[in-house]
Amino acid sequence: MASVINPVHSPIRTCQFSSLYLSSNKISPSFALLKARSLSSKASSLTFSPLPETIKPFSPVETSGKALRFSGWSQELRRRGSVEPPVAKAAAADAEGAEIESAAGYGKPSKSFSEKFPFLITGFFFFMWYLLNVIFNILNKKVYNYFPYPYFVSVIHLLVGVVYCLVSWSIGLPKRAPIDKEQLALLTPVAFCHALGHVMSNVSFAAVAVSFTHTIKALEPFFNASASQFVLGQHIPLSLWLSLAPVVIGVSMASLTELSFNWLGFGSAMISNIAFTYRSIYSKKAMTGMDSTNVYAYISIIALLVCIPPALLIEGPQLLQYGFRDAIAKVGLYKFLSDLFWIGMFYHLYNQLATNTLERVAPLTHAVGNVLKRVFVIGFSIVVFGNKISTQTGIGTAIAIAGVAIYSLIKANIEEQKRKAAAISTS
């Protein structure tokens, strides 16, 4: 029968040791393993693998008053490599129970690339937002050159986006947020205004030059300020009203000498401005607590249902009679279908990127970026389509864009001051 080994009794009267010192040798990963199950764990365990048979079981215990030395262990550990006094990397332990090794020094969690270089990630968002917007506007206008049916094309834009959202929900990227009747009632007016503004924008794109439509849409801040003052009852500072004067003057100058001007394109762009203004008003009342991705997905679904009936009533008979046939005869079936798919995809992606960019930057930065985006779209559309503009139109467009920039800067500064005042009052 195996003999029972009694524990070693040491005539130590005090058991106050400043540290547990093994040696200056490094512990092999297989020798010491620290298991950290969570940061909120009540206890953590330090598990040592069984000692090899070569270690003497009755090695004397040496006490110096400052440290505790195990002679047998020290000899074995010296043969395994060197290490400094072990410091547990508890701060770097994974909260989900990852196993980390005991090693020298304090554990410092490594930063991700986005944490090390946030300006590069934000710049990438702006770049993709601009790129997708420019591609959408150019490809959208090219489709209208051989398929002038903006109501049907608007349906395609929303349909592709809805399919994209449904696929994303099916794989959990993002997870679909549930919606009830109350939230649906709040989002329906927003979606209706979104649908109206989107359709009217496309009617204008089909009727006049892309650059001219974007010049007219530069008036959107004027309609926003007017609605805030006279509909919501909010006080608009005089500085904001004065900054809108060059916007109105510039758009008027550009409209008077625009070579592609017609009342359908001008009127539909103005209706789009009004629709998007009311979309902003209803959006403030429809704070559902959802993330922006889910909100935009639900708005797209409702807007699609709103756009289908007028498309069928206004353009349905023409499409069935000769619309599809003429388009396929001009460019072929494959290009026709691929163009419709890609304009829908680019439309959805650039809107989603715009929302994501807004969440990453301050309102002032986003306002400046939105103005620069309009400049990029106008410039690229003129170059790509070779639109001829008069000198007065060019000057008027520049004045309008400058006015929008000034308005955006003033408004963003006012909002920032309000935010700081609110933060001070609550602190």
Protein backbone atom coordinates (compact mmCIF):
# COMPACT_ATOMS: atom_id res chain seq x y z
CA MET A 1 0.00 0.00 0.00
CA ALA A 2 1.37 3.38 -0.91
CA SER A 3 2.53 5.33 2.04
CA VAL A 4 0.84 8.60 2.89
CA ILE A 5 3.19 11.54 2.85
CA ASN A 6 2.58 13.97 5.65
CA PRO A 7 2.79 17.65 4.91
CA VAL A 8 6.03 19.40 5.79
CA HIS A 9 5.88 21.28 9.06
CA SER A 10 8.08 24.36 9.11
CA PRO A 11 8.81 26.23 12.30
CA ILE A 12 7.68 29.48 10.77
CA ARG A 13 5.86 31.68 13.24
CA THR A 14 4.82 34.33 10.75
CA CYS A 15 3.18 33.65 7.41
CA GLN A 16 3.55 37.11 5.92
CA PHE A 17 5.40 36.76 2.60
CA SER A 18 5.74 39.71 0.25
CA SER A 19 5.67 37.61 -2.91
CA LEU A 20 5.84 34.14 -4.38
CA TYR A 21 9.15 34.09 -6.17
CA LEU A 22 9.86 31.17 -8.44
CA SER A 23 13.00 32.18 -10.33
CA SER A 24 14.20 34.41 -13.13
CA ASN A 25 13.29 31.73 -15.64
CA LYS A 26 10.29 31.93 -17.98
CA ILE A 27 7.38 29.61 -17.44
CA SER A 28 6.43 27.51 -20.43
CA PRO A 29 2.88 27.97 -21.70
CA SER A 30 2.15 24.40 -20.79
CA PHE A 31 3.45 24.93 -17.26
CA ALA A 32 1.34 27.85 -16.04
CA LEU A 33 -2.02 28.90 -17.45
CA LEU A 34 -4.24 31.65 -16.18
CA LYS A 35 -7.91 31.11 -16.97
CA ALA A 36 -9.94 34.29 -16.88
CA ARG A 37 -13.61 33.60 -17.38
CA SER A 38 -14.93 37.17 -17.08
CA LEU A 39 -14.05 40.53 -15.61
CA SER A 40 -16.87 40.14 -13.11
CA SER A 41 -15.80 36.73 -11.86
CA LYS A 42 -15.59 36.44 -8.12
CA ALA A 43 -12.54 34.19 -8.22
CA SER A 44 -9.92 33.12 -10.68
CA SER A 45 -7.76 30.00 -10.53
CA LEU A 46 -4.08 29.54 -11.30
CA THR A 47 -3.52 25.96 -12.37
CA PHE A 48 -0.06 24.34 -12.45
CA SER A 49 0.64 21.23 -14.44
CA PRO A 50 1.90 18.27 -12.44
CA LEU A 51 5.54 18.43 -11.47
CA PRO A 52 7.89 16.11 -13.32
CA GLU A 53 9.15 13.07 -11.51
CA THR A 54 12.66 14.54 -11.41
CA ILE A 55 11.66 17.12 -8.83
CA LYS A 56 12.42 16.05 -5.32
CA PRO A 57 9.23 15.91 -3.28
CA PHE A 58 10.94 16.87 -0.03
CA SER A 59 12.99 19.86 -1.21
CA PRO A 60 13.63 22.16 1.71
CA VAL A 61 11.66 25.35 1.98
CA GLU A 62 13.89 28.39 2.24
CA THR A 63 12.54 31.51 3.88
CA SER A 64 14.19 34.87 3.77
CA GLY A 65 11.43 37.05 5.17
CA LYS A 66 10.98 38.71 1.78
CA ALA A 67 10.32 35.85 -0.59
CA LEU A 68 9.46 32.18 -0.63
CA ARG A 69 11.78 29.90 -2.61
CA PHE A 70 11.21 26.28 -3.60
CA SER A 71 14.64 24.86 -4.35
CA GLY A 72 13.48 21.87 -6.34
CA TRP A 73 11.20 23.97 -8.48
CA SER A 74 13.89 26.59 -9.12
CA GLN A 75 16.29 24.03 -10.59
CA GLU A 76 13.63 22.62 -12.86
CA LEU A 77 12.39 26.04 -13.99
CA ARG A 78 15.90 27.23 -14.86
CA ARG A 79 16.14 24.39 -17.34
CA ARG A 80 12.84 25.44 -18.96
CA GLY A 81 13.76 29.05 -19.74
CA SER A 82 13.91 32.39 -18.07
CA VAL A 83 11.12 34.62 -16.85
CA GLU A 84 10.70 37.65 -14.74
CA PRO A 85 8.39 37.61 -11.73
CA PRO A 86 4.97 36.66 -13.07
CA VAL A 87 2.35 39.40 -13.28
CA ALA A 88 -1.17 38.26 -14.14
CA LYS A 89 -2.60 39.97 -17.19
CA ALA A 90 -6.01 40.29 -15.62
CA ALA A 91 -6.71 43.60 -17.29
CA ALA A 92 -6.19 42.05 -20.69
CA ALA A 93 -8.29 38.98 -19.98
CA ASP A 94 -11.06 38.30 -22.40
CA ALA A 95 -14.49 38.86 -20.89
CA GLU A 96 -15.86 35.76 -22.58
CA GLY A 97 -13.47 33.36 -20.84
CA ALA A 98 -10.44 33.37 -23.09
CA GLU A 99 -7.34 31.71 -21.69
CA ILE A 100 -4.23 33.88 -21.43
CA GLU A 101 -0.71 32.98 -20.38
CA SER A 102 1.06 34.30 -17.32
CA ALA A 103 3.93 36.45 -18.56
CA ALA A 104 6.04 39.41 -17.57
CA GLY A 105 4.62 42.92 -17.58
CA TYR A 106 1.13 44.33 -17.57
CA GLY A 107 -1.28 43.16 -20.24
CA LYS A 108 -2.31 45.95 -22.65
CA PRO A 109 -5.18 45.20 -25.06
CA SER A 110 -4.15 45.79 -28.64
CA LYS A 111 -6.11 48.46 -30.50
CA SER A 112 -7.88 47.70 -33.73
CA PHE A 113 -7.00 49.50 -36.95
CA SER A 114 -10.09 51.73 -36.71
CA GLU A 115 -9.08 52.78 -33.17
CA LYS A 116 -5.52 53.57 -34.20
CA PHE A 117 -6.44 55.49 -37.38
CA PRO A 118 -10.03 56.79 -37.01
CA PHE A 119 -9.44 59.59 -39.51
CA LEU A 120 -8.64 57.05 -42.23
CA ILE A 121 -11.88 55.15 -41.61
CA THR A 122 -13.91 58.37 -41.62
CA GLY A 123 -12.17 59.51 -44.79
CA PHE A 124 -12.97 56.17 -46.40
CA PHE A 125 -16.67 56.63 -45.51
CA PHE A 126 -16.69 60.08 -47.12
CA PHE A 127 -14.89 58.79 -50.20
CA MET A 128 -17.33 55.90 -50.68
CA TRP A 129 -20.31 58.19 -50.07
CA TYR A 130 -19.13 60.58 -52.80
CA LEU A 131 -18.13 57.81 -55.19
CA LEU A 132 -21.41 55.90 -54.93
CA ASN A 133 -23.43 59.11 -55.24
CA VAL A 134 -21.58 60.22 -58.37
CA ILE A 135 -21.87 56.77 -59.96
CA PHE A 136 -25.58 56.62 -59.17
CA ASN A 137 -26.32 60.03 -60.70
CA ILE A 138 -24.33 59.33 -63.86
CA LEU A 139 -25.71 55.82 -64.41
CA ASN A 140 -29.24 56.97 -63.55
CA LYS A 141 -29.13 59.72 -66.17
CA LYS A 142 -27.72 57.33 -68.79
CA VAL A 143 -30.67 55.00 -68.21
CA TYR A 144 -33.12 57.88 -68.74
CA ASN A 145 -31.49 58.60 -72.10
CA TYR A 146 -32.91 55.35 -73.49
CA PHE A 147 -35.63 54.52 -70.92
CA PRO A 148 -37.45 57.77 -69.88
CA TYR A 149 -39.81 56.29 -67.29
CA PRO A 150 -38.91 57.85 -63.92
CA TYR A 151 -41.85 56.38 -61.97
CA PHE A 152 -40.90 52.83 -62.89
CA VAL A 153 -37.19 53.52 -62.33
CA SER A 154 -38.02 54.91 -58.87
CA VAL A 155 -39.77 51.63 -58.07
CA ILE A 156 -36.67 49.72 -59.19
CA HIS A 157 -34.46 51.86 -56.92
CA LEU A 158 -36.56 51.02 -53.88
CA LEU A 159 -37.18 47.39 -54.90
CA VAL A 160 -33.47 46.56 -55.10
CA GLY A 161 -32.91 48.28 -51.75
CA VAL A 162 -35.74 46.35 -50.12
CA VAL A 163 -34.39 43.03 -51.40
CA TYR A 164 -30.97 44.00 -50.08
CA CYS A 165 -32.48 44.75 -46.64
CA LEU A 166 -34.43 41.47 -46.56
CA VAL A 167 -31.30 39.47 -47.40
CA SER A 168 -29.35 41.36 -44.73
CA TRP A 169 -32.04 40.61 -42.16
CA SER A 170 -32.09 36.92 -43.12
CA ILE A 171 -28.39 36.55 -42.28
CA GLY A 172 -28.59 38.79 -39.22
CA LEU A 173 -26.55 41.73 -40.57
CA PRO A 174 -28.14 43.65 -39.02
CA LYS A 175 -30.63 41.87 -36.83
CA ARG A 176 -34.16 42.93 -37.70
CA ALA A 177 -35.75 45.17 -35.11
CA PRO A 178 -39.42 44.32 -34.39
CA ILE A 179 -42.03 46.94 -35.27
CA ASP A 180 -45.47 47.48 -33.77
CA LYS A 181 -48.55 49.38 -34.94
CA GLU A 182 -47.55 52.56 -33.15
CA GLN A 183 -44.11 52.63 -34.76
CA LEU A 184 -45.63 51.79 -38.13
CA ALA A 185 -48.00 54.75 -37.80
CA LEU A 186 -45.07 57.05 -37.04
CA LEU A 187 -42.94 55.83 -39.95
CA THR A 188 -45.69 55.87 -42.59
CA PRO A 189 -45.76 59.69 -43.08
CA VAL A 190 -41.95 59.68 -43.26
CA ALA A 191 -42.02 56.96 -45.90
CA PHE A 192 -44.72 58.75 -47.89
CA CYS A 193 -42.68 61.97 -48.03
CA HIS A 194 -39.58 59.93 -48.88
CA ALA A 195 -41.41 58.26 -51.76
CA LEU A 196 -42.79 61.55 -53.11
CA GLY A 197 -39.44 63.30 -52.90
CA HIS A 198 -37.64 60.39 -54.52
CA VAL A 199 -40.07 60.10 -57.43
CA MET A 200 -40.09 63.86 -58.08
CA SER A 201 -36.29 63.94 -58.04
CA ASN A 202 -36.22 61.24 -60.71
CA VAL A 203 -38.81 63.07 -62.80
CA SER A 204 -36.53 66.11 -62.71
CA PHE A 205 -33.43 64.03 -63.53
CA ALA A 206 -35.21 62.62 -66.57
CA ALA A 207 -36.42 66.04 -67.76
CA VAL A 208 -33.37 68.29 -67.33
CA ALA A 209 -29.61 68.08 -66.81
CA VAL A 210 -28.37 66.46 -63.61
CA SER A 211 -26.39 69.58 -62.73
CA PHE A 212 -29.51 71.76 -62.99
CA THR A 213 -31.58 69.41 -60.80
CA HIS A 214 -28.91 69.53 -58.09
CA THR A 215 -28.78 73.31 -58.38
CA ILE A 216 -32.55 73.49 -57.75
CA LYS A 217 -32.22 71.02 -54.88
CA ALA A 218 -29.72 73.41 -53.28
CA LEU A 219 -32.84 75.33 -52.19
CA GLU A 220 -33.74 72.54 -49.74
CA PRO A 221 -32.23 74.43 -46.73
CA PHE A 222 -34.53 77.37 -47.51
CA PHE A 223 -37.59 75.11 -47.32
CA ASN A 224 -36.27 73.50 -44.13
CA ALA A 225 -35.84 76.87 -42.46
CA SER A 226 -39.28 78.01 -43.59
CA ALA A 227 -40.96 74.85 -42.28
CA SER A 228 -39.12 75.09 -38.96
CA GLN A 229 -40.18 78.71 -38.53
CA PHE A 230 -43.79 78.61 -39.72
CA VAL A 231 -44.81 74.95 -39.22
CA LEU A 232 -42.91 73.85 -36.12
CA GLY A 233 -42.82 77.34 -34.57
CA GLN A 234 -39.06 77.27 -34.01
CA HIS A 235 -37.16 80.54 -33.99
CA ILE A 236 -34.68 80.81 -36.87
CA PRO A 237 -31.86 83.31 -36.22
CA LEU A 238 -31.45 86.23 -38.58
CA SER A 239 -27.98 85.02 -39.56
CA LEU A 240 -29.47 81.84 -41.03
CA TRP A 241 -32.04 83.77 -43.05
CA LEU A 242 -29.32 86.07 -44.40
CA SER A 243 -27.17 83.10 -45.39
CA LEU A 244 -30.06 81.78 -47.50
CA ALA A 245 -30.21 84.93 -49.62
CA PRO A 246 -27.28 83.94 -51.89
CA VAL A 247 -28.85 80.48 -52.31
CA VAL A 248 -32.08 81.95 -53.66
CA ILE A 249 -30.22 84.49 -55.83
CA GLY A 250 -27.84 81.87 -57.23
CA VAL A 251 -30.57 79.41 -58.12
CA SER A 252 -32.57 82.18 -59.79
CA MET A 253 -29.57 83.23 -61.90
CA ALA A 254 -28.87 79.63 -62.92
CA SER A 255 -32.50 78.95 -63.83
CA LEU A 256 -32.87 82.00 -66.08
CA THR A 257 -30.09 80.93 -68.45
CA GLU A 258 -30.13 77.12 -68.06
CA LEU A 259 -30.10 75.62 -71.54
CA SER A 260 -31.99 72.48 -70.49
CA PHE A 261 -34.60 74.37 -68.50
CA ASN A 262 -38.22 73.22 -68.65
CA TRP A 263 -41.04 73.64 -66.18
CA LEU A 264 -41.47 69.90 -65.58
CA GLY A 265 -37.88 69.52 -64.41
CA PHE A 266 -37.97 72.74 -62.37
CA GLY A 267 -41.36 72.06 -60.78
CA SER A 268 -40.65 68.43 -59.87
CA ALA A 269 -37.34 69.42 -58.24
CA MET A 270 -39.17 72.04 -56.16
CA ILE A 271 -41.80 69.48 -55.10
CA SER A 272 -38.95 67.16 -54.14
CA ASN A 273 -37.52 69.87 -51.89
CA ILE A 274 -40.87 70.33 -50.16
CA ALA A 275 -41.35 66.56 -49.73
CA PHE A 276 -37.91 66.05 -48.21
CA THR A 277 -38.51 69.02 -45.90
CA TYR A 278 -41.64 67.41 -44.50
CA ARG A 279 -39.79 64.11 -44.31
CA SER A 280 -37.36 65.81 -41.92
CA ILE A 281 -40.24 67.19 -39.86
CA TYR A 282 -41.98 63.82 -39.53
CA SER A 283 -38.66 62.09 -38.86
CA LYS A 284 -38.20 64.18 -35.71
CA LYS A 285 -41.61 63.01 -34.51
CA ALA A 286 -40.89 59.36 -35.36
CA MET A 287 -38.07 58.67 -32.94
CA THR A 288 -38.70 54.94 -32.58
CA GLY A 289 -35.50 53.99 -30.77
CA MET A 290 -34.40 51.76 -33.67
CA ASP A 291 -30.97 52.00 -35.23
CA SER A 292 -30.73 53.99 -38.44
CA THR A 293 -30.25 50.90 -40.63
CA ASN A 294 -33.51 49.29 -39.52
CA VAL A 295 -35.41 52.59 -39.75
CA TYR A 296 -34.24 53.14 -43.31
CA ALA A 297 -35.15 49.56 -44.21
CA TYR A 298 -38.74 49.96 -42.96
CA ILE A 299 -39.05 53.35 -44.68
CA SER A 300 -37.86 51.78 -47.95
CA ILE A 301 -40.45 48.99 -47.70
CA ILE A 302 -43.32 51.39 -47.06
CA ALA A 303 -42.10 53.81 -49.75
CA LEU A 304 -41.97 50.96 -52.26
CA LEU A 305 -45.62 50.13 -51.58
CA VAL A 306 -46.49 53.81 -52.04
CA CYS A 307 -44.63 54.11 -55.38
CA ILE A 308 -46.01 51.01 -57.11
CA PRO A 309 -49.64 52.21 -57.75
CA PRO A 310 -48.75 55.52 -59.50
CA ALA A 311 -46.08 53.78 -61.56
CA LEU A 312 -48.64 51.25 -62.80
CA LEU A 313 -51.28 53.89 -63.48
CA ILE A 314 -49.09 56.53 -65.12
CA GLU A 315 -46.49 54.48 -67.00
CA GLY A 316 -47.85 50.92 -66.96
CA PRO A 317 -49.70 50.99 -70.30
CA GLN A 318 -46.77 52.65 -72.12
CA LEU A 319 -44.27 50.19 -70.66
CA LEU A 320 -46.29 47.19 -71.77
CA GLN A 321 -46.95 48.63 -75.21
CA TYR A 322 -43.49 49.81 -76.27
CA GLY A 323 -41.37 50.96 -73.27
CA PHE A 324 -39.62 47.68 -72.50
CA ARG A 325 -39.42 46.72 -76.18
CA ASP A 326 -37.70 49.95 -77.22
CA ALA A 327 -35.19 49.84 -74.37
CA ILE A 328 -34.19 46.24 -75.12
CA ALA A 329 -33.89 47.04 -78.83
CA LYS A 330 -31.49 49.93 -78.05
CA VAL A 331 -29.12 48.33 -75.51
CA GLY A 332 -30.04 44.66 -75.28
CA LEU A 333 -31.79 42.69 -72.55
CA TYR A 334 -28.69 41.99 -70.43
CA LYS A 335 -27.51 45.63 -70.26
CA PHE A 336 -31.04 46.86 -69.63
CA LEU A 337 -31.53 44.53 -66.65
CA SER A 338 -28.02 45.08 -65.29
CA ASP A 339 -28.41 48.87 -65.49
CA LEU A 340 -31.68 48.72 -63.57
CA PHE A 341 -30.12 46.50 -60.92
CA TRP A 342 -27.01 48.63 -60.43
CA ILE A 343 -28.81 51.97 -60.20
CA GLY A 344 -30.99 50.44 -57.48
CA MET A 345 -27.97 49.05 -55.64
CA PHE A 346 -25.99 52.30 -55.85
CA TYR A 347 -29.02 54.28 -54.73
CA HIS A 348 -29.44 52.18 -51.60
CA LEU A 349 -25.74 51.99 -50.76
CA TYR A 350 -25.03 55.71 -51.08
CA ASN A 351 -28.02 56.54 -48.87
CA GLN A 352 -26.85 53.99 -46.30
CA LEU A 353 -23.27 55.33 -46.44
CA ALA A 354 -24.57 58.87 -45.95
CA THR A 355 -26.37 57.73 -42.78
CA ASN A 356 -23.32 55.86 -41.50
CA THR A 357 -21.07 58.85 -42.19
CA LEU A 358 -23.41 61.16 -40.28
CA GLU A 359 -23.13 58.87 -37.25
CA ARG A 360 -19.31 59.04 -37.31
CA VAL A 361 -18.74 62.78 -37.53
CA ALA A 362 -19.95 66.03 -35.99
CA PRO A 363 -22.86 67.87 -37.63
CA LEU A 364 -20.50 70.60 -38.84
CA THR A 365 -18.27 68.11 -40.64
CA HIS A 366 -21.22 66.35 -42.20
CA ALA A 367 -22.73 69.65 -43.36
CA VAL A 368 -19.52 70.62 -45.13
CA GLY A 369 -19.24 67.14 -46.62
CA ASN A 370 -22.80 67.30 -47.95
CA VAL A 371 -22.06 70.60 -49.72
CA LEU A 372 -18.86 69.22 -51.24
CA LYS A 373 -20.78 66.15 -52.40
CA ARG A 374 -23.17 68.34 -54.38
CA VAL A 375 -20.22 70.13 -55.96
CA PHE A 376 -18.70 66.79 -56.96
CA VAL A 377 -21.96 65.57 -58.51
CA ILE A 378 -22.51 68.77 -60.48
CA GLY A 379 -18.92 68.86 -61.71
CA PHE A 380 -18.75 65.21 -62.74
CA SER A 381 -22.14 65.33 -64.48
CA ILE A 382 -21.04 68.31 -66.58
CA VAL A 383 -17.81 66.55 -67.57
CA VAL A 384 -19.35 63.13 -68.28
CA PHE A 385 -22.39 64.31 -70.25
CA GLY A 386 -20.70 67.33 -71.81
CA ASN A 387 -23.52 69.64 -70.80
CA LYS A 388 -22.96 73.18 -72.01
CA ILE A 389 -23.75 75.84 -69.45
CA SER A 390 -23.77 79.58 -69.86
CA THR A 391 -21.51 81.86 -67.86
CA GLN A 392 -24.47 83.18 -65.86
CA THR A 393 -25.60 79.64 -65.04
CA GLY A 394 -22.11 78.76 -63.81
CA ILE A 395 -21.88 81.89 -61.65
CA GLY A 396 -25.38 81.34 -60.27
CA THR A 397 -24.61 77.72 -59.39
CA ALA A 398 -21.41 78.77 -57.61
CA ILE A 399 -23.25 81.45 -55.62
CA ALA A 400 -25.98 78.98 -54.62
CA ILE A 401 -23.46 76.36 -53.46
CA ALA A 402 -21.53 78.99 -51.49
CA GLY A 403 -24.76 80.08 -49.81
CA VAL A 404 -25.55 76.50 -48.85
CA ALA A 405 -22.06 76.15 -47.38
CA ILE A 406 -22.45 79.30 -45.28
CA TYR A 407 -25.91 78.21 -44.12
CA SER A 408 -24.63 74.75 -43.16
CA LEU A 409 -21.70 76.18 -41.17
CA ILE A 410 -23.88 78.63 -39.26
CA LYS A 411 -26.54 76.03 -38.51
CA ALA A 412 -24.01 73.45 -37.37
CA ASN A 413 -22.39 76.00 -35.03
CA ILE A 414 -25.78 76.88 -33.55
CA GLU A 415 -26.59 73.20 -32.97
CA GLU A 416 -23.19 72.65 -31.35
CA GLN A 417 -23.73 75.58 -28.98
CA LYS A 418 -27.15 74.20 -28.02
CA ARG A 419 -25.62 70.79 -27.35
CA LYS A 420 -22.89 72.24 -25.13
CA ALA A 421 -25.41 74.38 -23.23
CA ALA A 422 -27.61 71.34 -22.63
CA ALA A 423 -24.63 69.31 -21.44
CA ILE A 424 -23.62 72.05 -18.99
CA SER A 425 -27.15 72.40 -17.62
CA THR A 426 -27.47 68.67 -16.97
CA SER A 427 -24.03 68.34 -15.35
